[in-house]
């Protein structure tokens, strides 16, 4: 069941869902995030859930109605009806741009939770300062989401950088791949590397550039991306790739 707690009224408020099977802990988290939002002069509304399944069902209904109800979901990783890892995978599969923040008492869960594409991990006890950092990072991310314009098959396409999984070289062209589409563009892979390295892209092979947030696994000399796509990784680039993965995980743990 969801429950609305104190809101700062504003037409442009950020909408946050808090999920913890302990109603008392959910309420505490809700108050922490409202206080953090207020300290940043961000208008916010919080809804509390004690069931991850109920929250997921609400999101599915909203997607079917083409409504985005939450900007952020803050979820305790240990839930009796569906754990945070399973929840995160299902949320990612829905291709919603709602950001997930996982709360855990065990930092090592961040490694397992990486493939959920969680925006951040909060290690208990959660404080207002931690919530402030999450909200600040979220606003920075949303304010700097870069878009690129490409020309593919005679048409202009506008792509959000965060939606790109990888870019591969094809003869004199570059193939830009999202989770379920690909586009052929005349811009060179070297130029894309210069343009996108600041946004978390890393060269894994002379003919491939990947978005580190799309990483799912390393399988021998191949990188597996969230869509299931596999790309060869040069042996000499594996140490650099492992470091990039580690940096990304550490950045997400608050």
Foldseek 3Di string as FASTA:
>chain_A
DKDKDDWDDDPPAAEEEEEALPQVVSVVVQVLLCVLCVVVVGTYIYMYYNALVVVLVVCVVCVVVVHDRHQEYEYEQDHPVHGPQRSLLVVVVSVDNRAYEYEYQDLVVLVVSLLSLHQAYEHPPDHSVNSNVSVVVSVVCVVPFDWDWFAFPNDIDIDTPVQWFKWFDDPQWIWTDGLPDIGIGNDHPVVVCVVCVVVQWDDFDPGMIGRLSQFDDDDPQWTQGSSRDIDGGDPVCVVVSVVSNVVVSVVRYD
